[in-house]
Amino acid sequence: MNIYFYEKAKEYAEKNCVARKKHVSLIVQNDKIVSIGCNGFGVPSMYAFMGYRSLHSEITALIRLNIPKVNLHLYNYRFNNQGQLKLAKPCKICMPWCEAVFDSISYTTNEGRMVTWKTSHE
């Protein structure tokens, strides 16, 4: 697990996430964080139409991204109220578009590990 990314995600979660389950998504390009987002409340109608009931961290980070979408890697973290890492795999609604946009997807597990796989997008 990249300690720098972990620390940035944890710091962002503590300062910016208001939901009980704190999901943070980092979008990384060339080993630099280019966008960050967390889950939240209130869903724009476009996303509600797609099946979302809350705003997911992956969407928030992607909306904030203002660079060409090449060589992008997604890192998902989820922290419980005690700051422990939990499962942050993209949901079944997010997964298809994440696989289309990102070259690799990494997410934390309930055991506090990071799982990474290359997508077919690459």
N, C-alpha and C. Protein backbone atom coordinates (compact mmCIF):
# COMPACT_ATOMS: atom_id res chain seq x y z
N MET A 1 0.85 -1.18 0.00
CA MET A 1 0.00 0.00 0.00
C MET A 1 0.89 1.23 0.00
N ASN A 2 0.58 2.16 -0.86
CA ASN A 2 1.31 3.42 -0.94
C ASN A 2 0.94 4.27 0.28
N ILE A 3 1.91 4.47 1.16
CA ILE A 3 1.66 5.18 2.42
C ILE A 3 1.26 6.64 2.17
N TYR A 4 1.87 7.28 1.20
CA TYR A 4 1.53 8.67 0.89
C TYR A 4 0.07 8.79 0.49
N PHE A 5 -0.40 7.92 -0.42
CA PHE A 5 -1.80 7.95 -0.84
C PHE A 5 -2.73 7.66 0.33
N TYR A 6 -2.36 6.68 1.15
CA TYR A 6 -3.16 6.32 2.33
C TYR A 6 -3.31 7.54 3.26
N GLU A 7 -2.20 8.19 3.56
CA GLU A 7 -2.24 9.34 4.47
C GLU A 7 -3.07 10.49 3.90
N LYS A 8 -2.94 10.74 2.59
CA LYS A 8 -3.74 11.80 1.96
C LYS A 8 -5.23 11.45 2.02
N ALA A 9 -5.57 10.18 1.76
CA ALA A 9 -6.97 9.75 1.81
C ALA A 9 -7.53 9.88 3.22
N LYS A 10 -6.76 9.46 4.21
CA LYS A 10 -7.23 9.52 5.60
C LYS A 10 -7.43 10.98 6.04
N GLU A 11 -6.48 11.81 5.71
CA GLU A 11 -6.58 13.24 6.05
C GLU A 11 -7.81 13.87 5.39
N TYR A 12 -8.03 13.55 4.12
CA TYR A 12 -9.18 14.09 3.40
C TYR A 12 -10.48 13.60 4.02
N ALA A 13 -10.54 12.32 4.38
CA ALA A 13 -11.74 11.75 4.98
C ALA A 13 -12.08 12.45 6.29
N GLU A 14 -11.09 12.68 7.11
CA GLU A 14 -11.32 13.31 8.41
C GLU A 14 -11.82 14.75 8.27
N LYS A 15 -11.35 15.45 7.25
CA LYS A 15 -11.71 16.87 7.09
C LYS A 15 -12.96 17.09 6.24
N ASN A 16 -13.26 16.18 5.31
CA ASN A 16 -14.27 16.48 4.30
C ASN A 16 -15.46 15.54 4.23
N CYS A 17 -15.34 14.32 4.71
CA CYS A 17 -16.44 13.37 4.59
C CYS A 17 -17.40 13.52 5.75
N VAL A 18 -18.67 13.70 5.43
CA VAL A 18 -19.68 13.87 6.47
C VAL A 18 -20.48 12.59 6.71
N ALA A 19 -20.44 11.65 5.79
CA ALA A 19 -21.17 10.40 5.94
C ALA A 19 -20.50 9.53 7.00
N ARG A 20 -21.28 8.63 7.58
CA ARG A 20 -20.75 7.73 8.61
C ARG A 20 -19.66 6.83 8.05
N LYS A 21 -19.90 6.27 6.87
CA LYS A 21 -18.88 5.47 6.18
C LYS A 21 -18.13 6.41 5.26
N LYS A 22 -16.86 6.59 5.54
CA LYS A 22 -16.07 7.57 4.82
C LYS A 22 -15.33 6.91 3.66
N HIS A 23 -15.87 7.08 2.45
CA HIS A 23 -15.23 6.57 1.24
C HIS A 23 -14.47 7.72 0.59
N VAL A 24 -13.22 7.45 0.22
CA VAL A 24 -12.40 8.45 -0.46
C VAL A 24 -11.82 7.82 -1.71
N SER A 25 -11.91 8.54 -2.82
CA SER A 25 -11.32 8.10 -4.08
C SER A 25 -10.24 9.08 -4.50
N LEU A 26 -9.08 8.53 -4.82
CA LEU A 26 -7.98 9.32 -5.37
C LEU A 26 -7.84 8.92 -6.83
N ILE A 27 -7.72 9.89 -7.70
CA ILE A 27 -7.37 9.62 -9.08
C ILE A 27 -5.92 10.04 -9.25
N VAL A 28 -5.12 9.11 -9.74
CA VAL A 28 -3.68 9.30 -9.83
C VAL A 28 -3.24 9.20 -11.28
N GLN A 29 -2.37 10.12 -11.68
CA GLN A 29 -1.79 10.10 -13.02
C GLN A 29 -0.30 10.33 -12.86
N ASN A 30 0.50 9.43 -13.42
CA ASN A 30 1.97 9.53 -13.31
C ASN A 30 2.43 9.67 -11.86
N ASP A 31 1.84 8.87 -10.98
CA ASP A 31 2.17 8.83 -9.55
C ASP A 31 1.87 10.12 -8.80
N LYS A 32 1.01 10.98 -9.37
CA LYS A 32 0.60 12.21 -8.70
C LYS A 32 -0.91 12.20 -8.54
N ILE A 33 -1.40 12.64 -7.38
CA ILE A 33 -2.83 12.75 -7.16
C ILE A 33 -3.33 13.94 -7.97
N VAL A 34 -4.27 13.67 -8.89
CA VAL A 34 -4.80 14.74 -9.74
C VAL A 34 -6.25 15.10 -9.39
N SER A 35 -6.90 14.25 -8.60
CA SER A 35 -8.25 14.56 -8.14
C SER A 35 -8.56 13.69 -6.92
N ILE A 36 -9.43 14.21 -6.08
CA ILE A 36 -9.83 13.49 -4.87
C ILE A 36 -11.30 13.81 -4.58
N GLY A 37 -12.00 12.83 -4.07
CA GLY A 37 -13.40 13.04 -3.74
C GLY A 37 -13.85 12.08 -2.65
N CYS A 38 -14.94 12.43 -1.98
CA CYS A 38 -15.51 11.54 -0.97
C CYS A 38 -17.01 11.41 -1.19
N ASN A 39 -17.57 10.41 -0.56
CA ASN A 39 -19.00 10.18 -0.68
C ASN A 39 -19.77 11.27 0.06
N GLY A 40 -21.02 11.43 -0.32
CA GLY A 40 -21.82 12.46 0.32
C GLY A 40 -23.29 12.26 0.06
N PHE A 41 -24.05 13.23 0.49
CA PHE A 41 -25.50 13.18 0.37
C PHE A 41 -25.94 14.07 -0.78
N GLY A 42 -27.16 13.88 -1.19
CA GLY A 42 -27.69 14.69 -2.28
C GLY A 42 -27.19 14.17 -3.61
N VAL A 43 -28.08 13.71 -4.43
CA VAL A 43 -27.70 13.12 -5.71
C VAL A 43 -28.30 13.94 -6.84
N PRO A 44 -27.46 14.49 -7.74
CA PRO A 44 -28.01 15.16 -8.91
C PRO A 44 -28.91 14.20 -9.70
N SER A 45 -29.96 14.74 -10.31
CA SER A 45 -30.94 13.88 -10.98
C SER A 45 -30.31 12.96 -12.02
N MET A 46 -29.27 13.41 -12.69
CA MET A 46 -28.60 12.56 -13.68
C MET A 46 -28.10 11.26 -13.05
N TYR A 47 -27.56 11.35 -11.84
CA TYR A 47 -27.03 10.17 -11.17
C TYR A 47 -28.14 9.35 -10.52
N ALA A 48 -29.16 10.01 -10.02
CA ALA A 48 -30.31 9.28 -9.46
C ALA A 48 -30.95 8.42 -10.54
N PHE A 49 -31.02 8.94 -11.75
CA PHE A 49 -31.57 8.20 -12.88
C PHE A 49 -30.77 6.93 -13.14
N MET A 50 -29.46 6.98 -12.87
CA MET A 50 -28.59 5.83 -13.08
C MET A 50 -28.69 4.80 -11.95
N GLY A 51 -29.38 5.14 -10.86
CA GLY A 51 -29.56 4.21 -9.76
C GLY A 51 -28.85 4.59 -8.47
N TYR A 52 -28.15 5.70 -8.46
CA TYR A 52 -27.46 6.13 -7.24
C TYR A 52 -28.44 6.71 -6.23
N ARG A 53 -28.24 6.34 -4.95
CA ARG A 53 -29.05 6.92 -3.87
C ARG A 53 -28.24 7.89 -3.02
N SER A 54 -26.93 7.89 -3.23
CA SER A 54 -26.04 8.86 -2.59
C SER A 54 -24.92 9.14 -3.57
N LEU A 55 -24.19 10.21 -3.33
CA LEU A 55 -23.10 10.58 -4.22
C LEU A 55 -21.85 9.77 -3.85
N HIS A 56 -21.35 8.99 -4.77
CA HIS A 56 -20.22 8.12 -4.50
C HIS A 56 -18.90 8.86 -4.72
N SER A 57 -17.88 8.43 -3.98
CA SER A 57 -16.58 9.11 -4.03
C SER A 57 -15.97 9.06 -5.43
N GLU A 58 -16.18 7.98 -6.16
CA GLU A 58 -15.61 7.86 -7.50
C GLU A 58 -16.17 8.95 -8.42
N ILE A 59 -17.48 9.20 -8.32
CA ILE A 59 -18.12 10.23 -9.13
C ILE A 59 -17.59 11.61 -8.75
N THR A 60 -17.52 11.87 -7.45
CA THR A 60 -17.04 13.18 -6.98
C THR A 60 -15.63 13.45 -7.50
N ALA A 61 -14.76 12.46 -7.42
CA ALA A 61 -13.38 12.65 -7.90
C ALA A 61 -13.36 12.85 -9.41
N LEU A 62 -14.16 12.10 -10.15
CA LEU A 62 -14.18 12.22 -11.60
C LEU A 62 -14.72 13.58 -12.04
N ILE A 63 -15.75 14.07 -11.37
CA ILE A 63 -16.32 15.39 -11.70
C ILE A 63 -15.27 16.49 -11.53
N ARG A 64 -14.42 16.34 -10.53
CA ARG A 64 -13.41 17.36 -10.24
C ARG A 64 -12.19 17.27 -11.15
N LEU A 65 -12.08 16.21 -11.91
CA LEU A 65 -10.92 15.99 -12.77
C LEU A 65 -11.01 16.92 -13.97
N ASN A 66 -9.98 17.72 -14.19
CA ASN A 66 -10.00 18.66 -15.31
C ASN A 66 -8.74 18.54 -16.17
N ILE A 67 -8.30 17.32 -16.37
CA ILE A 67 -7.16 17.05 -17.24
C ILE A 67 -7.56 15.94 -18.20
N PRO A 68 -6.80 15.72 -19.26
CA PRO A 68 -7.12 14.61 -20.17
C PRO A 68 -7.18 13.28 -19.42
N LYS A 69 -8.13 12.47 -19.79
CA LYS A 69 -8.36 11.20 -19.09
C LYS A 69 -7.51 10.08 -19.70
N VAL A 70 -6.20 10.20 -19.50
CA VAL A 70 -5.26 9.17 -19.97
C VAL A 70 -4.35 8.77 -18.82
N ASN A 71 -3.99 7.50 -18.80
CA ASN A 71 -3.08 6.97 -17.78
C ASN A 71 -3.57 7.27 -16.36
N LEU A 72 -4.86 6.98 -16.12
CA LEU A 72 -5.46 7.25 -14.81
C LEU A 72 -5.59 5.97 -14.00
N HIS A 73 -5.35 6.11 -12.71
CA HIS A 73 -5.45 5.00 -11.78
C HIS A 73 -6.34 5.43 -10.62
N LEU A 74 -7.26 4.55 -10.22
CA LEU A 74 -8.20 4.84 -9.13
C LEU A 74 -7.75 4.12 -7.86
N TYR A 75 -7.71 4.86 -6.75
CA TYR A 75 -7.43 4.30 -5.44
C TYR A 75 -8.61 4.62 -4.54
N ASN A 76 -9.28 3.58 -4.05
CA ASN A 76 -10.45 3.74 -3.19
C ASN A 76 -10.11 3.31 -1.77
N TYR A 77 -10.48 4.14 -0.81
CA TYR A 77 -10.29 3.86 0.61
C TYR A 77 -11.62 4.03 1.32
N ARG A 78 -11.85 3.21 2.31
CA ARG A 78 -13.02 3.39 3.17
C ARG A 78 -12.55 3.28 4.61
N PHE A 79 -12.97 4.24 5.42
CA PHE A 79 -12.61 4.28 6.84
C PHE A 79 -13.87 4.20 7.68
N ASN A 80 -13.84 3.37 8.73
CA ASN A 80 -14.98 3.35 9.64
C ASN A 80 -14.79 4.45 10.68
N ASN A 81 -15.69 4.52 11.66
CA ASN A 81 -15.62 5.58 12.67
C ASN A 81 -14.38 5.53 13.54
N GLN A 82 -13.72 4.36 13.59
CA GLN A 82 -12.49 4.22 14.36
C GLN A 82 -11.25 4.46 13.50
N GLY A 83 -11.46 4.82 12.23
CA GLY A 83 -10.33 5.09 11.34
C GLY A 83 -9.72 3.84 10.72
N GLN A 84 -10.38 2.68 10.91
CA GLN A 84 -9.87 1.44 10.34
C GLN A 84 -10.29 1.31 8.88
N LEU A 85 -9.44 0.67 8.09
CA LEU A 85 -9.74 0.46 6.68
C LEU A 85 -10.79 -0.64 6.52
N LYS A 86 -11.72 -0.42 5.62
CA LYS A 86 -12.78 -1.38 5.32
C LYS A 86 -12.89 -1.52 3.81
N LEU A 87 -13.76 -2.43 3.36
CA LEU A 87 -13.92 -2.73 1.94
C LEU A 87 -14.38 -1.50 1.17
N ALA A 88 -13.63 -1.14 0.12
CA ALA A 88 -13.93 0.04 -0.69
C ALA A 88 -14.00 -0.30 -2.18
N LYS A 89 -14.35 -1.53 -2.50
CA LYS A 89 -14.48 -1.92 -3.91
C LYS A 89 -15.61 -1.12 -4.55
N PRO A 90 -15.40 -0.60 -5.77
CA PRO A 90 -16.49 0.12 -6.42
C PRO A 90 -17.75 -0.74 -6.52
N CYS A 91 -18.90 -0.12 -6.36
CA CYS A 91 -20.17 -0.85 -6.38
C CYS A 91 -20.51 -1.30 -7.81
N LYS A 92 -21.58 -2.05 -7.93
CA LYS A 92 -21.95 -2.59 -9.25
C LYS A 92 -22.39 -1.50 -10.22
N ILE A 93 -22.80 -0.34 -9.72
CA ILE A 93 -23.15 0.77 -10.61
C ILE A 93 -21.88 1.49 -11.07
N CYS A 94 -20.93 1.68 -10.18
CA CYS A 94 -19.69 2.39 -10.52
C CYS A 94 -18.72 1.52 -11.34
N MET A 95 -18.69 0.23 -11.07
CA MET A 95 -17.66 -0.62 -11.66
C MET A 95 -17.57 -0.54 -13.19
N PRO A 96 -18.68 -0.62 -13.92
CA PRO A 96 -18.53 -0.59 -15.39
C PRO A 96 -17.86 0.67 -15.93
N TRP A 97 -18.26 1.84 -15.43
CA TRP A 97 -17.63 3.05 -15.96
C TRP A 97 -16.21 3.22 -15.41
N CYS A 98 -15.95 2.74 -14.19
CA CYS A 98 -14.58 2.80 -13.65
C CYS A 98 -13.64 1.95 -14.52
N GLU A 99 -14.10 0.77 -14.91
CA GLU A 99 -13.27 -0.09 -15.76
C GLU A 99 -13.04 0.54 -17.13
N ALA A 100 -13.97 1.36 -17.60
CA ALA A 100 -13.82 2.02 -18.89
C ALA A 100 -12.89 3.23 -18.82
N VAL A 101 -12.79 3.86 -17.65
CA VAL A 101 -12.02 5.10 -17.52
C VAL A 101 -10.61 4.86 -17.01
N PHE A 102 -10.44 3.94 -16.05
CA PHE A 102 -9.16 3.79 -15.35
C PHE A 102 -8.35 2.61 -15.88
N ASP A 103 -7.02 2.79 -15.89
CA ASP A 103 -6.11 1.73 -16.31
C ASP A 103 -5.96 0.67 -15.22
N SER A 104 -6.11 1.07 -13.98
CA SER A 104 -6.09 0.12 -12.87
C SER A 104 -6.99 0.66 -11.77
N ILE A 105 -7.48 -0.26 -10.96
CA ILE A 105 -8.36 0.08 -9.84
C ILE A 105 -7.81 -0.60 -8.60
N SER A 106 -7.62 0.18 -7.55
CA SER A 106 -7.15 -0.35 -6.27
C SER A 106 -8.18 0.00 -5.20
N TYR A 107 -8.39 -0.91 -4.26
CA TYR A 107 -9.33 -0.64 -3.18
C TYR A 107 -8.91 -1.39 -1.93
N THR A 108 -9.31 -0.83 -0.79
CA THR A 108 -8.98 -1.46 0.48
C THR A 108 -9.95 -2.60 0.78
N THR A 109 -9.48 -3.53 1.62
CA THR A 109 -10.29 -4.67 2.05
C THR A 109 -10.61 -4.52 3.53
N ASN A 110 -11.49 -5.38 4.02
CA ASN A 110 -11.82 -5.38 5.45
C ASN A 110 -10.62 -5.75 6.32
N GLU A 111 -9.63 -6.38 5.72
CA GLU A 111 -8.42 -6.77 6.46
C GLU A 111 -7.36 -5.66 6.44
N GLY A 112 -7.67 -4.54 5.81
CA GLY A 112 -6.74 -3.42 5.77
C GLY A 112 -5.70 -3.52 4.68
N ARG A 113 -5.91 -4.41 3.73
CA ARG A 113 -4.98 -4.55 2.60
C ARG A 113 -5.50 -3.78 1.39
N MET A 114 -4.65 -3.63 0.40
CA MET A 114 -5.02 -2.98 -0.86
C MET A 114 -4.96 -4.02 -1.96
N VAL A 115 -6.05 -4.13 -2.72
CA VAL A 115 -6.14 -5.03 -3.87
C VAL A 115 -6.08 -4.16 -5.12
N THR A 116 -5.29 -4.59 -6.10
CA THR A 116 -5.15 -3.83 -7.35
C THR A 116 -5.31 -4.77 -8.53
N TRP A 117 -6.00 -4.30 -9.55
CA TRP A 117 -6.03 -5.05 -10.79
C TRP A 117 -6.02 -4.10 -11.97
N LYS A 118 -5.45 -4.58 -13.06
CA LYS A 118 -5.43 -3.84 -14.31
C LYS A 118 -6.76 -4.06 -15.00
N THR A 119 -7.31 -3.03 -15.57
CA THR A 119 -8.57 -3.16 -16.28
C THR A 119 -8.31 -3.51 -17.74
N SER A 120 -9.35 -3.91 -18.44
CA SER A 120 -9.21 -4.21 -19.85
C SER A 120 -9.10 -2.93 -20.68
N HIS A 121 -9.35 -1.79 -20.01
CA HIS A 121 -9.25 -0.48 -20.67
C HIS A 121 -7.84 -0.21 -21.17
N GLU A 122 -6.86 -0.68 -20.43
CA GLU A 122 -5.47 -0.35 -20.73
C GLU A 122 -5.01 -0.91 -22.05
